[in-house]
Structures are given as C-alpha cells and as structure tokens.
Amino acid sequence: MAVIALLGDINIDLVLDIPIYPGEGGEAIATHQTVAIGGSATNTAIALARAGHECRLIGQVGQDAWGRHALMELQATGVATRWIGQDPSEPTQLNIVAVSATGERTMFAYRGANAQLSADMVDEAALAGAALLHLSGYAFLQPRQAGAAMRAIDIAVRKGIPVTLDIPGGVVDALGDKVRPVLASLDTIMLADSDLPRLLGEPVDATLDDLVAVLLERGVDRVAIKGNSTASLLYQRNIRDSAPWFCVDVVDTVGAGDAFAAGHIHGRITELSGGYCCRLANAFGAVAVTRKGAGLAMPALDEVLDLMTCDR
C-alpha cells in the first residue's frame, strides 16, 4: 500500500473501568484494568499498519521501561520506530483513563517526553516517498511539540504531500490559535461538529454548513465531521457526503476517534468516494468501541470490512 508519516503522542494507557465516579476526595474501586500502548497518532498508526500501509511514527518516549515497552509493541505491529527519540530527562507519557459504565472515557495525563519533541528532531527523511502526513491535534498543545508539527507541515507542503489533522475532543479550546494559521496547508481536518465554533472563534449559533464553509474558504480541501445526529459527514468543494453510524454494543470509547481517522486516511489514499470514506471511518470507529482499550486493540481492515458487509 502507501507510506504514511504520522506525528503525535506515544504513551502508555492505564485504563480503569469505574462503575460510579466518586466526588472530589472520594474513592472508586475499578472493576477491570488494562495497561497498553496508546496515544492518538500511535493508535491511528497501528490501525493503518494493520490495513497494510507502511507507517512511520515521529515522536518521543522517555529513557525508561515504559518507553522501551512502547517501542517494542510498535515494532511488533509493523510501525517504523526509527524516527522516535528517547528523552533523557522526561518520562514516557502515562495516561490514566477512567471508563464509565456507559463506555465513555475520562483522561488524565502528564505529557512528559511527548511535549519535548522539537522541530530539529523532525528528520525530513521520515517523509521521503510518503503519500500522506497525519498529525494529531495533541501535538499543538505545547510549544516545542507544536514547533515540530509545524516543521513537518512545512516539509510536507514543500514536497506536495497531503496533510491530515485530527482534532481530539476536549482540547479544542487550547488549539484554535495554533491551528488556524495552518488551515491553508491541510488536505483534511477531522473534528466533532460541536468543536467547530471554538476552533474557528465563530459564534456558537452559526450553522454547521456555514462553519464548514469558513474552513473550505481558508484552504482546507476536506472537512470530516465525526458526528452529526446519527451520521458522519464529509464536505468537499460543492460536495457533501454522509454515512450513518453503525449500531454496536459500546464497551470502551478510548481510541474511537483515532480509528475513525484511520478509516478516512485509508479511504483518502486509496481514492475511495466521499460517501464510502464516511462509511469506512464509521466502521473503523465502531469496531474500536466494541473492545477495551486502544493501541493493540485497534481494528484490522478485514474486521472493518466484515462489519460493513454484515450491516448491508
């Protein structure tokens, strides 16, 4: 298939199933725990590698046991780790993920080595022959890593490589000022409809179509809306496609958006129609929420296609 470069976080997820959330200062006894590799760009890379693509992950871990574990697991999935650094002073990011009885996740993290990735650590060779560069929005949270993301975008634009950006839920308020200047460099942006006004600094009562039009006017080629009522949407110039969500039993929403991004990227690279890209992204996300954790639990392409076939 294709070469895909990805830049973003690499972390270890400690996922705890919490039946009832306690108040501040209280305690909760988890009914299950999972420890696994995670991180938005990492999850997307694993899903794309399982779809047959050559994935090159640009990031950083600490010089610690968790970092060595992450590198080993990435190598086992076929994701290239050559462009992952090891920070001598900051630890590998540890994510504490509390999953409620409904499957919704709440996250607590110290970003550690991820936030120390800098522009001079982004090797142009990582993008050699790449069909696409994918960025996680988390990479724009802190200045050094944001500089690395900007350098990767500059390299991609110079080489004519399409750039995709996934905006994770919950952090859009911290990203708007940093993301708006790079919109003209983006091929595709993926985000929730509720995050659009805050990303753009537009009134919250503006219509979805009007907000998407702003993104398209600012140079984005494709706007993928993760959820609007019971469907996902894809806007391109004068084209609006959609596909309904799949009906599955939700176990854990960790990594669902990362899997959704992998579906759109796979569809984009293989030149599938807009409607099929939406359906494929929905299926990637649907399979992801039926299992605990992300990372090594990311869906394989054949699992996604099986769901799409059974749902016809």
C-alpha atoms as a PDB file:
ATOM      1  CA  MET A   1       0.000   0.000   0.000  1.00  0.00           C
ATOM      2  CA  ALA A   2       1.237   3.532   0.793  1.00  0.00           C
ATOM      3  CA  VAL A   3       3.855   5.163   3.001  1.00  0.00           C
ATOM      4  CA  ILE A   4       2.242   7.293   5.722  1.00  0.00           C
ATOM      5  CA  ALA A   5       4.148   9.537   8.132  1.00  0.00           C
ATOM      6  CA  LEU A   6       2.454  10.370  11.435  1.00  0.00           C
ATOM      7  CA  LEU A   7       3.432  12.840  14.146  1.00  0.00           C
ATOM      8  CA  GLY A   8       1.965  12.829  17.625  1.00  0.00           C
ATOM      9  CA  ASP A   9       1.878  11.262  21.039  1.00  0.00           C
ATOM     10  CA  ILE A  10       3.185   7.915  22.207  1.00  0.00           C
ATOM     11  CA  ASN A  11       2.055   6.901  25.658  1.00  0.00           C
ATOM     12  CA  ILE A  12       1.071   4.078  27.962  1.00  0.00           C
ATOM     13  CA  ASP A  13      -2.613   3.875  28.861  1.00  0.00           C
ATOM     14  CA  LEU A  14      -3.734   2.614  32.248  1.00  0.00           C
ATOM     15  CA  VAL A  15      -7.441   2.032  31.597  1.00  0.00           C
ATOM     16  CA  LEU A  16      -9.693   1.570  34.631  1.00  0.00           C
ATOM     17  CA  ASP A  17     -13.358   0.589  34.454  1.00  0.00           C
ATOM     18  CA  ILE A  18     -15.120   2.801  37.019  1.00  0.00           C
ATOM     19  CA  PRO A  19     -18.786   1.871  37.638  1.00  0.00           C
ATOM     20  CA  ILE A  20     -19.539   5.032  39.653  1.00  0.00           C
ATOM     21  CA  TYR A  21     -17.475   8.231  39.694  1.00  0.00           C
ATOM     22  CA  PRO A  22     -16.685   9.486  43.201  1.00  0.00           C
ATOM     23  CA  GLY A  23     -16.792  13.098  44.264  1.00  0.00           C
ATOM     24  CA  GLU A  24     -13.554  15.021  44.762  1.00  0.00           C
ATOM     25  CA  GLY A  25     -11.594  13.430  47.587  1.00  0.00           C
ATOM     26  CA  GLY A  26     -13.565  10.185  47.312  1.00  0.00           C
ATOM     27  CA  GLU A  27     -12.550   6.738  46.128  1.00  0.00           C
ATOM     28  CA  ALA A  28     -13.706   4.357  43.432  1.00  0.00           C
ATOM     29  CA  ILE A  29     -12.873   0.689  43.058  1.00  0.00           C
ATOM     30  CA  ALA A  30     -12.255  -0.273  39.447  1.00  0.00           C
ATOM     31  CA  THR A  31     -13.817  -3.473  38.137  1.00  0.00           C
ATOM     32  CA  HIS A  32     -11.135  -4.024  35.482  1.00  0.00           C
ATOM     33  CA  GLN A  33      -7.781  -2.614  34.402  1.00  0.00           C
ATOM     34  CA  THR A  34      -5.834  -2.718  31.151  1.00  0.00           C
ATOM     35  CA  VAL A  35      -2.294  -1.477  30.520  1.00  0.00           C
ATOM     36  CA  ALA A  36      -1.413  -0.926  26.871  1.00  0.00           C
ATOM     37  CA  ILE A  37       0.350   1.348  24.426  1.00  0.00           C
ATOM     38  CA  GLY A  38      -1.705   4.341  23.328  1.00  0.00           C
ATOM     39  CA  GLY A  39      -1.603   7.896  22.052  1.00  0.00           C
ATOM     40  CA  SER A  40      -3.741   9.396  19.312  1.00  0.00           C
ATOM     41  CA  ALA A  41      -1.204   9.250  16.472  1.00  0.00           C
ATOM     42  CA  THR A  42       0.056   5.896  17.758  1.00  0.00           C
ATOM     43  CA  ASN A  43      -3.421   4.367  17.631  1.00  0.00           C
ATOM     44  CA  THR A  44      -4.005   5.672  14.119  1.00  0.00           C
ATOM     45  CA  ALA A  45      -0.600   4.365  13.001  1.00  0.00           C
ATOM     46  CA  ILE A  46      -1.359   0.871  14.327  1.00  0.00           C
ATOM     47  CA  ALA A  47      -4.747   0.789  12.584  1.00  0.00           C
ATOM     48  CA  LEU A  48      -3.209   1.927   9.288  1.00  0.00           C
ATOM     49  CA  ALA A  49      -0.342  -0.556   9.592  1.00  0.00           C
ATOM     50  CA  ARG A  50      -2.952  -3.285  10.039  1.00  0.00           C
ATOM     51  CA  ALA A  51      -4.582  -2.033   6.840  1.00  0.00           C
ATOM     52  CA  GLY A  52      -1.316  -2.762   5.008  1.00  0.00           C
ATOM     53  CA  HIS A  53       0.342   0.664   4.951  1.00  0.00           C
ATOM     54  CA  GLU A  54       3.969   1.450   5.814  1.00  0.00           C
ATOM     55  CA  CYS A  55       3.628   3.749   8.812  1.00  0.00           C
ATOM     56  CA  ARG A  56       6.465   5.934  10.108  1.00  0.00           C
ATOM     57  CA  LEU A  57       5.799   7.436  13.520  1.00  0.00           C
ATOM     58  CA  ILE A  58       7.552  10.666  14.548  1.00  0.00           C
ATOM     59  CA  GLY A  59       7.526  11.199  18.302  1.00  0.00           C
ATOM     60  CA  GLN A  60       9.343  10.722  21.548  1.00  0.00           C
ATOM     61  CA  VAL A  61       9.345   8.458  24.599  1.00  0.00           C
ATOM     62  CA  GLY A  62      11.375   8.573  27.786  1.00  0.00           C
ATOM     63  CA  GLN A  63      14.502   6.575  28.519  1.00  0.00           C
ATOM     64  CA  ASP A  64      12.544   4.273  30.808  1.00  0.00           C
ATOM     65  CA  ALA A  65      10.868   0.883  30.958  1.00  0.00           C
ATOM     66  CA  TRP A  66       7.571   2.231  29.597  1.00  0.00           C
ATOM     67  CA  GLY A  67       9.397   3.771  26.632  1.00  0.00           C
ATOM     68  CA  ARG A  68      11.165   0.519  25.831  1.00  0.00           C
ATOM     69  CA  HIS A  69       7.846  -1.306  26.119  1.00  0.00           C
ATOM     70  CA  ALA A  70       6.170   1.147  23.726  1.00  0.00           C
ATOM     71  CA  LEU A  71       8.922   0.801  21.127  1.00  0.00           C
ATOM     72  CA  MET A  72       8.760  -2.989  21.333  1.00  0.00           C
ATOM     73  CA  GLU A  73       4.998  -3.036  20.849  1.00  0.00           C
ATOM     74  CA  LEU A  74       5.142  -0.596  17.930  1.00  0.00           C
ATOM     75  CA  GLN A  75       7.786  -2.706  16.208  1.00  0.00           C
ATOM     76  CA  ALA A  76       5.620  -5.794  16.699  1.00  0.00           C
ATOM     77  CA  THR A  77       2.741  -4.094  14.857  1.00  0.00           C
ATOM     78  CA  GLY A  78       4.989  -3.128  11.938  1.00  0.00           C
ATOM     79  CA  VAL A  79       5.096   0.616  12.710  1.00  0.00           C
ATOM     80  CA  ALA A  80       8.549   2.071  11.959  1.00  0.00           C
ATOM     81  CA  THR A  81      10.222   3.434  15.119  1.00  0.00           C
ATOM     82  CA  ARG A  82      13.370   4.855  13.512  1.00  0.00           C
ATOM     83  CA  TRP A  83      12.101   8.424  13.962  1.00  0.00           C
ATOM     84  CA  ILE A  84      11.096   8.071  17.610  1.00  0.00           C
ATOM     85  CA  GLY A  85      13.504   9.748  20.036  1.00  0.00           C
ATOM     86  CA  GLN A  86      14.207   8.929  23.685  1.00  0.00           C
ATOM     87  CA  ASP A  87      14.235  11.855  26.094  1.00  0.00           C
ATOM     88  CA  PRO A  88      16.792  11.544  28.922  1.00  0.00           C
ATOM     89  CA  SER A  89      15.003  13.796  31.398  1.00  0.00           C
ATOM     90  CA  GLU A  90      11.240  13.391  30.877  1.00  0.00           C
ATOM     91  CA  PRO A  91       9.309  10.118  31.301  1.00  0.00           C
ATOM     92  CA  THR A  92       7.175   8.350  28.753  1.00  0.00           C
ATOM     93  CA  GLN A  93       3.665   9.799  28.947  1.00  0.00           C
ATOM     94  CA  LEU A  94       1.320   7.859  31.203  1.00  0.00           C
ATOM     95  CA  ASN A  95      -2.418   8.242  30.594  1.00  0.00           C
ATOM     96  CA  ILE A  96      -4.892   7.376  33.317  1.00  0.00           C
ATOM     97  CA  VAL A  97      -8.163   6.596  31.546  1.00  0.00           C
ATOM     98  CA  ALA A  98     -11.342   6.125  33.584  1.00  0.00           C
ATOM     99  CA  VAL A  99     -14.109   4.383  31.631  1.00  0.00           C
ATOM    100  CA  SER A 100     -17.656   4.705  32.935  1.00  0.00           C
ATOM    101  CA  ALA A 101     -20.389   2.073  32.842  1.00  0.00           C
ATOM    102  CA  THR A 102     -21.635   3.583  29.546  1.00  0.00           C
ATOM    103  CA  GLY A 103     -18.200   3.192  27.918  1.00  0.00           C
ATOM    104  CA  GLU A 104     -17.357   6.910  27.949  1.00  0.00           C
ATOM    105  CA  ARG A 105     -13.756   7.767  28.828  1.00  0.00           C
ATOM    106  CA  THR A 106     -12.258  10.491  31.015  1.00  0.00           C
ATOM    107  CA  MET A 107      -8.498  11.028  30.744  1.00  0.00           C
ATOM    108  CA  PHE A 108      -5.744  12.372  32.987  1.00  0.00           C
ATOM    109  CA  ALA A 109      -2.202  12.676  31.643  1.00  0.00           C
ATOM    110  CA  TYR A 110       1.266  14.069  32.174  1.00  0.00           C
ATOM    111  CA  ARG A 111       2.618  14.612  28.660  1.00  0.00           C
ATOM    112  CA  GLY A 112       6.261  14.020  29.594  1.00  0.00           C
ATOM    113  CA  ALA A 113       8.578  13.206  26.696  1.00  0.00           C
ATOM    114  CA  ASN A 114       5.906  13.915  24.066  1.00  0.00           C
ATOM    115  CA  ALA A 115       5.925  17.634  24.864  1.00  0.00           C
ATOM    116  CA  GLN A 116       9.716  17.773  24.400  1.00  0.00           C
ATOM    117  CA  LEU A 117       9.686  16.782  20.730  1.00  0.00           C
ATOM    118  CA  SER A 118      11.201  19.763  18.884  1.00  0.00           C
ATOM    119  CA  ALA A 119      11.476  20.947  15.288  1.00  0.00           C
ATOM    120  CA  ASP A 120      15.127  19.925  14.965  1.00  0.00           C
ATOM    121  CA  MET A 121      14.146  16.333  15.800  1.00  0.00           C
ATOM    122  CA  VAL A 122      11.898  16.046  12.726  1.00  0.00           C
ATOM    123  CA  ASP A 123      14.021  14.328  10.080  1.00  0.00           C
ATOM    124  CA  GLU A 124      12.970  15.114   6.517  1.00  0.00           C
ATOM    125  CA  ALA A 125      13.796  11.503   5.633  1.00  0.00           C
ATOM    126  CA  ALA A 126      10.746  10.383   7.603  1.00  0.00           C
ATOM    127  CA  LEU A 127       8.574  11.904   4.861  1.00  0.00           C
ATOM    128  CA  ALA A 128      10.565  10.570   1.918  1.00  0.00           C
ATOM    129  CA  GLY A 129       8.156   8.927  -0.511  1.00  0.00           C
ATOM    130  CA  ALA A 130       5.192   9.483   1.811  1.00  0.00           C
ATOM    131  CA  ALA A 131       1.707   9.597   0.323  1.00  0.00           C
ATOM    132  CA  LEU A 132       0.362  11.489   3.338  1.00  0.00           C
ATOM    133  CA  LEU A 133       1.351  13.163   6.615  1.00  0.00           C
ATOM    134  CA  HIS A 134      -1.059  12.784   9.533  1.00  0.00           C
ATOM    135  CA  LEU A 135      -0.970  14.930  12.672  1.00  0.00           C
ATOM    136  CA  SER A 136      -2.786  14.546  15.959  1.00  0.00           C
ATOM    137  CA  GLY A 137      -4.121  17.798  17.382  1.00  0.00           C
ATOM    138  CA  TYR A 138      -2.469  16.969  20.700  1.00  0.00           C
ATOM    139  CA  ALA A 139       0.840  17.856  19.034  1.00  0.00           C
ATOM    140  CA  PHE A 140      -0.204  21.545  19.121  1.00  0.00           C
ATOM    141  CA  LEU A 141      -0.828  21.674  22.866  1.00  0.00           C
ATOM    142  CA  GLN A 142       2.669  22.757  23.932  1.00  0.00           C
ATOM    143  CA  PRO A 143       5.212  24.994  22.173  1.00  0.00           C
ATOM    144  CA  ARG A 144       8.094  22.601  21.464  1.00  0.00           C
ATOM    145  CA  GLN A 145       5.937  19.854  20.012  1.00  0.00           C
ATOM    146  CA  ALA A 146       3.885  22.431  18.106  1.00  0.00           C
ATOM    147  CA  GLY A 147       7.140  23.592  16.512  1.00  0.00           C
ATOM    148  CA  ALA A 148       7.845  20.011  15.459  1.00  0.00           C
ATOM    149  CA  ALA A 149       4.376  19.743  13.939  1.00  0.00           C
ATOM    150  CA  MET A 150       4.897  22.998  12.022  1.00  0.00           C
ATOM    151  CA  ARG A 151       8.223  21.771  10.628  1.00  0.00           C
ATOM    152  CA  ALA A 152       6.602  18.523   9.487  1.00  0.00           C
ATOM    153  CA  ILE A 153       3.832  20.501   7.770  1.00  0.00           C
ATOM    154  CA  ASP A 154       6.392  22.759   6.062  1.00  0.00           C
ATOM    155  CA  ILE A 155       8.269  19.717   4.735  1.00  0.00           C
ATOM    156  CA  ALA A 156       5.057  18.098   3.518  1.00  0.00           C
ATOM    157  CA  VAL A 157       3.834  21.242   1.751  1.00  0.00           C
ATOM    158  CA  ARG A 158       7.198  21.678   0.040  1.00  0.00           C
ATOM    159  CA  LYS A 159       7.105  18.062  -1.146  1.00  0.00           C
ATOM    160  CA  GLY A 160       3.445  18.190  -2.214  1.00  0.00           C
ATOM    161  CA  ILE A 161       2.378  15.653   0.430  1.00  0.00           C
ATOM    162  CA  PRO A 162      -1.252  15.956   1.626  1.00  0.00           C
ATOM    163  CA  VAL A 163      -1.610  16.749   5.342  1.00  0.00           C
ATOM    164  CA  THR A 164      -4.422  15.480   7.566  1.00  0.00           C
ATOM    165  CA  LEU A 165      -5.185  16.749  11.072  1.00  0.00           C
ATOM    166  CA  ASP A 166      -7.369  15.111  13.711  1.00  0.00           C
ATOM    167  CA  ILE A 167      -8.775  17.401  16.419  1.00  0.00           C
ATOM    168  CA  PRO A 168      -9.409  15.291  19.545  1.00  0.00           C
ATOM    169  CA  GLY A 169     -12.389  16.031  21.733  1.00  0.00           C
ATOM    170  CA  GLY A 170     -11.855  18.086  24.847  1.00  0.00           C
ATOM    171  CA  VAL A 171      -8.796  20.145  23.855  1.00  0.00           C
ATOM    172  CA  VAL A 172     -10.047  22.340  21.013  1.00  0.00           C
ATOM    173  CA  ASP A 173     -10.024  25.500  23.154  1.00  0.00           C
ATOM    174  CA  ALA A 174      -6.261  25.140  23.567  1.00  0.00           C
ATOM    175  CA  LEU A 175      -5.656  24.530  19.848  1.00  0.00           C
ATOM    176  CA  GLY A 176      -7.584  27.188  17.933  1.00  0.00           C
ATOM    177  CA  ASP A 177      -4.952  29.922  17.855  1.00  0.00           C
ATOM    178  CA  LYS A 178      -2.271  27.434  16.789  1.00  0.00           C
ATOM    179  CA  VAL A 179      -4.282  25.546  14.188  1.00  0.00           C
ATOM    180  CA  ARG A 180      -5.968  28.439  12.392  1.00  0.00           C
ATOM    181  CA  PRO A 181      -2.691  29.649  10.754  1.00  0.00           C
ATOM    182  CA  VAL A 182      -2.069  26.215   9.159  1.00  0.00           C
ATOM    183  CA  LEU A 183      -5.549  25.606   7.739  1.00  0.00           C
ATOM    184  CA  ALA A 184      -4.468  26.504   4.210  1.00  0.00           C
ATOM    185  CA  SER A 185      -1.865  23.704   4.389  1.00  0.00           C
ATOM    186  CA  LEU A 186      -4.389  20.991   5.265  1.00  0.00           C
ATOM    187  CA  ASP A 187      -5.874  18.484   2.884  1.00  0.00           C
ATOM    188  CA  THR A 188      -8.268  17.085   5.522  1.00  0.00           C
ATOM    189  CA  ILE A 189      -9.331  18.110   9.013  1.00  0.00           C
ATOM    190  CA  MET A 190     -11.355  15.744  11.228  1.00  0.00           C
ATOM    191  CA  LEU A 191     -13.341  17.004  14.208  1.00  0.00           C
ATOM    192  CA  ALA A 192     -16.671  16.932  16.016  1.00  0.00           C
ATOM    193  CA  ASP A 193     -19.384  19.359  14.913  1.00  0.00           C
ATOM    194  CA  SER A 194     -19.509  20.852  18.423  1.00  0.00           C
ATOM    195  CA  ASP A 195     -15.811  21.773  18.209  1.00  0.00           C
ATOM    196  CA  LEU A 196     -16.130  23.813  15.004  1.00  0.00           C
ATOM    197  CA  PRO A 197     -17.187  27.172  16.544  1.00  0.00           C
ATOM    198  CA  ARG A 198     -14.418  27.064  19.159  1.00  0.00           C
ATOM    199  CA  LEU A 199     -11.766  26.080  16.620  1.00  0.00           C
ATOM    200  CA  LEU A 200     -12.696  28.974  14.361  1.00  0.00           C
ATOM    201  CA  GLY A 201     -13.627  31.510  17.031  1.00  0.00           C
ATOM    202  CA  GLU A 202     -17.040  31.850  15.400  1.00  0.00           C
ATOM    203  CA  PRO A 203     -20.465  32.323  17.087  1.00  0.00           C
ATOM    204  CA  VAL A 204     -21.863  29.123  18.551  1.00  0.00           C
ATOM    205  CA  ASP A 205     -25.215  29.738  16.825  1.00  0.00           C
ATOM    206  CA  ALA A 206     -23.671  29.622  13.336  1.00  0.00           C
ATOM    207  CA  THR A 207     -24.920  26.720  11.209  1.00  0.00           C
ATOM    208  CA  LEU A 208     -22.744  23.692  10.552  1.00  0.00           C
ATOM    209  CA  ASP A 209     -22.736  24.404   6.815  1.00  0.00           C
ATOM    210  CA  ASP A 210     -21.607  27.998   7.424  1.00  0.00           C
ATOM    211  CA  LEU A 211     -18.794  26.916   9.746  1.00  0.00           C
ATOM    212  CA  VAL A 212     -17.571  24.285   7.296  1.00  0.00           C
ATOM    213  CA  ALA A 213     -17.687  26.900   4.541  1.00  0.00           C
ATOM    214  CA  VAL A 214     -15.239  29.002   6.577  1.00  0.00           C
ATOM    215  CA  LEU A 215     -12.783  26.097   6.705  1.00  0.00           C
ATOM    216  CA  LEU A 216     -13.112  25.483   2.975  1.00  0.00           C
ATOM    217  CA  GLU A 217     -12.629  29.187   2.246  1.00  0.00           C
ATOM    218  CA  ARG A 218      -9.451  29.148   4.333  1.00  0.00           C
ATOM    219  CA  GLY A 219      -7.965  26.422   2.160  1.00  0.00           C
ATOM    220  CA  VAL A 220      -8.910  23.083   3.729  1.00  0.00           C
ATOM    221  CA  ASP A 221      -9.863  20.631   0.971  1.00  0.00           C
ATOM    222  CA  ARG A 222     -11.851  18.111   3.024  1.00  0.00           C
ATOM    223  CA  VAL A 223     -13.719  18.525   6.327  1.00  0.00           C
ATOM    224  CA  ALA A 224     -14.702  15.275   8.038  1.00  0.00           C
ATOM    225  CA  ILE A 225     -17.297  15.700  10.785  1.00  0.00           C
ATOM    226  CA  LYS A 226     -17.100  12.814  13.228  1.00  0.00           C
ATOM    227  CA  GLY A 227     -20.694  13.040  14.326  1.00  0.00           C
ATOM    228  CA  ASN A 228     -23.828  14.996  13.467  1.00  0.00           C
ATOM    229  CA  SER A 229     -27.031  13.477  14.823  1.00  0.00           C
ATOM    230  CA  THR A 230     -26.688   9.810  13.754  1.00  0.00           C
ATOM    231  CA  ALA A 231     -24.196  10.170  10.894  1.00  0.00           C
ATOM    232  CA  SER A 232     -20.718  11.360   9.993  1.00  0.00           C
ATOM    233  CA  LEU A 233     -20.198  13.872   7.199  1.00  0.00           C
ATOM    234  CA  LEU A 234     -17.539  14.750   4.656  1.00  0.00           C
ATOM    235  CA  TYR A 235     -17.508  18.147   2.968  1.00  0.00           C
ATOM    236  CA  GLN A 236     -15.512  18.958  -0.155  1.00  0.00           C
ATOM    237  CA  ARG A 237     -15.963  21.778  -2.664  1.00  0.00           C
ATOM    238  CA  ASN A 238     -19.658  21.717  -3.625  1.00  0.00           C
ATOM    239  CA  ILE A 239     -19.967  18.137  -2.330  1.00  0.00           C
ATOM    240  CA  ARG A 240     -21.459  16.858   0.929  1.00  0.00           C
ATOM    241  CA  ASP A 241     -21.379  13.154   1.701  1.00  0.00           C
ATOM    242  CA  SER A 242     -22.588  11.274   4.762  1.00  0.00           C
ATOM    243  CA  ALA A 243     -22.962   7.802   6.213  1.00  0.00           C
ATOM    244  CA  PRO A 244     -24.963   6.549   9.216  1.00  0.00           C
ATOM    245  CA  TRP A 245     -23.271   5.248  12.315  1.00  0.00           C
ATOM    246  CA  PHE A 246     -23.143   1.505  12.871  1.00  0.00           C
ATOM    247  CA  CYS A 247     -25.219   0.013  15.673  1.00  0.00           C
ATOM    248  CA  VAL A 248     -22.802  -1.811  18.007  1.00  0.00           C
ATOM    249  CA  ASP A 249     -22.541  -2.517  21.715  1.00  0.00           C
ATOM    250  CA  VAL A 250     -20.170   0.080  23.188  1.00  0.00           C
ATOM    251  CA  VAL A 251     -17.570  -1.299  25.583  1.00  0.00           C
ATOM    252  CA  ASP A 252     -14.974   1.489  25.625  1.00  0.00           C
ATOM    253  CA  THR A 253     -14.699   4.692  23.551  1.00  0.00           C
ATOM    254  CA  VAL A 254     -10.905   5.021  24.025  1.00  0.00           C
ATOM    255  CA  GLY A 255      -9.313   5.326  20.563  1.00  0.00           C
ATOM    256  CA  ALA A 256     -12.600   5.601  18.658  1.00  0.00           C
ATOM    257  CA  GLY A 257     -11.663   8.939  17.077  1.00  0.00           C
ATOM    258  CA  ASP A 258      -8.194   7.655  16.216  1.00  0.00           C
ATOM    259  CA  ALA A 259      -9.708   4.655  14.449  1.00  0.00           C
ATOM    260  CA  PHE A 260     -12.169   6.969  12.653  1.00  0.00           C
ATOM    261  CA  ALA A 261      -9.193   8.996  11.393  1.00  0.00           C
ATOM    262  CA  ALA A 262      -7.509   5.831  10.122  1.00  0.00           C
ATOM    263  CA  GLY A 263     -10.621   4.999   8.118  1.00  0.00           C
ATOM    264  CA  HIS A 264     -10.694   8.394   6.424  1.00  0.00           C
ATOM    265  CA  ILE A 265      -6.960   8.275   5.721  1.00  0.00           C
ATOM    266  CA  HIS A 266      -7.214   4.803   4.189  1.00  0.00           C
ATOM    267  CA  GLY A 267     -10.119   5.948   2.053  1.00  0.00           C
ATOM    268  CA  ARG A 268      -8.318   9.128   1.005  1.00  0.00           C
ATOM    269  CA  ILE A 269      -5.155   7.303  -0.032  1.00  0.00           C
ATOM    270  CA  THR A 270      -6.977   4.569  -1.919  1.00  0.00           C
ATOM    271  CA  GLU A 271      -9.122   7.200  -3.702  1.00  0.00           C
ATOM    272  CA  LEU A 272     -12.474   5.957  -2.473  1.00  0.00           C
ATOM    273  CA  SER A 273     -15.615   8.050  -2.883  1.00  0.00           C
ATOM    274  CA  GLY A 274     -16.576  10.538  -0.177  1.00  0.00           C
ATOM    275  CA  GLY A 275     -19.571   8.503   0.919  1.00  0.00           C
ATOM    276  CA  TYR A 276     -17.528   5.334   1.171  1.00  0.00           C
ATOM    277  CA  CYS A 277     -14.839   7.180   3.155  1.00  0.00           C
ATOM    278  CA  CYS A 278     -17.515   8.176   5.683  1.00  0.00           C
ATOM    279  CA  ARG A 279     -18.814   4.631   5.925  1.00  0.00           C
ATOM    280  CA  LEU A 280     -15.298   3.217   6.268  1.00  0.00           C
ATOM    281  CA  ALA A 281     -14.364   5.718   9.000  1.00  0.00           C
ATOM    282  CA  ASN A 282     -17.586   4.907  10.869  1.00  0.00           C
ATOM    283  CA  ALA A 283     -16.813   1.197  10.671  1.00  0.00           C
ATOM    284  CA  PHE A 284     -13.252   1.650  11.967  1.00  0.00           C
ATOM    285  CA  GLY A 285     -14.633   3.629  14.897  1.00  0.00           C
ATOM    286  CA  ALA A 286     -17.452   1.142  15.519  1.00  0.00           C
ATOM    287  CA  VAL A 287     -15.116  -1.845  15.751  1.00  0.00           C
ATOM    288  CA  ALA A 288     -12.824   0.120  18.082  1.00  0.00           C
ATOM    289  CA  VAL A 289     -15.572   0.817  20.647  1.00  0.00           C
ATOM    290  CA  THR A 290     -16.520  -2.860  20.944  1.00  0.00           C
ATOM    291  CA  ARG A 291     -13.271  -3.730  22.746  1.00  0.00           C
ATOM    292  CA  LYS A 292     -11.322  -2.491  25.729  1.00  0.00           C
ATOM    293  CA  GLY A 293      -8.506  -0.002  25.254  1.00  0.00           C
ATOM    294  CA  ALA A 294      -6.820   1.213  22.091  1.00  0.00           C
ATOM    295  CA  GLY A 295      -3.263   0.559  20.855  1.00  0.00           C
ATOM    296  CA  LEU A 296      -3.010  -3.143  20.107  1.00  0.00           C
ATOM    297  CA  ALA A 297      -6.818  -3.342  20.200  1.00  0.00           C
ATOM    298  CA  MET A 298      -7.095  -1.160  17.090  1.00  0.00           C
ATOM    299  CA  PRO A 299      -9.153  -2.852  14.371  1.00  0.00           C
ATOM    300  CA  ALA A 300      -7.689  -4.651  11.391  1.00  0.00           C
ATOM    301  CA  LEU A 301      -9.043  -3.867   7.920  1.00  0.00           C
ATOM    302  CA  ASP A 302     -10.665  -7.286   7.492  1.00  0.00           C
ATOM    303  CA  GLU A 303     -12.620  -6.786  10.749  1.00  0.00           C
ATOM    304  CA  VAL A 304     -13.837  -3.431   9.486  1.00  0.00           C
ATOM    305  CA  LEU A 305     -14.880  -4.826   6.116  1.00  0.00           C
ATOM    306  CA  ASP A 306     -16.692  -7.711   7.807  1.00  0.00           C
ATOM    307  CA  LEU A 307     -18.778  -5.232   9.804  1.00  0.00           C
ATOM    308  CA  MET A 308     -19.580  -3.259   6.664  1.00  0.00           C
ATOM    309  CA  THR A 309     -20.625  -6.424   4.844  1.00  0.00           C
ATOM    310  CA  CYS A 310     -22.809  -7.685   7.695  1.00  0.00           C
ATOM    311  CA  ASP A 311     -24.516  -4.301   8.067  1.00  0.00           C
ATOM    312  CA  ARG A 312     -25.770  -4.096   4.497  1.00  0.00           C
END
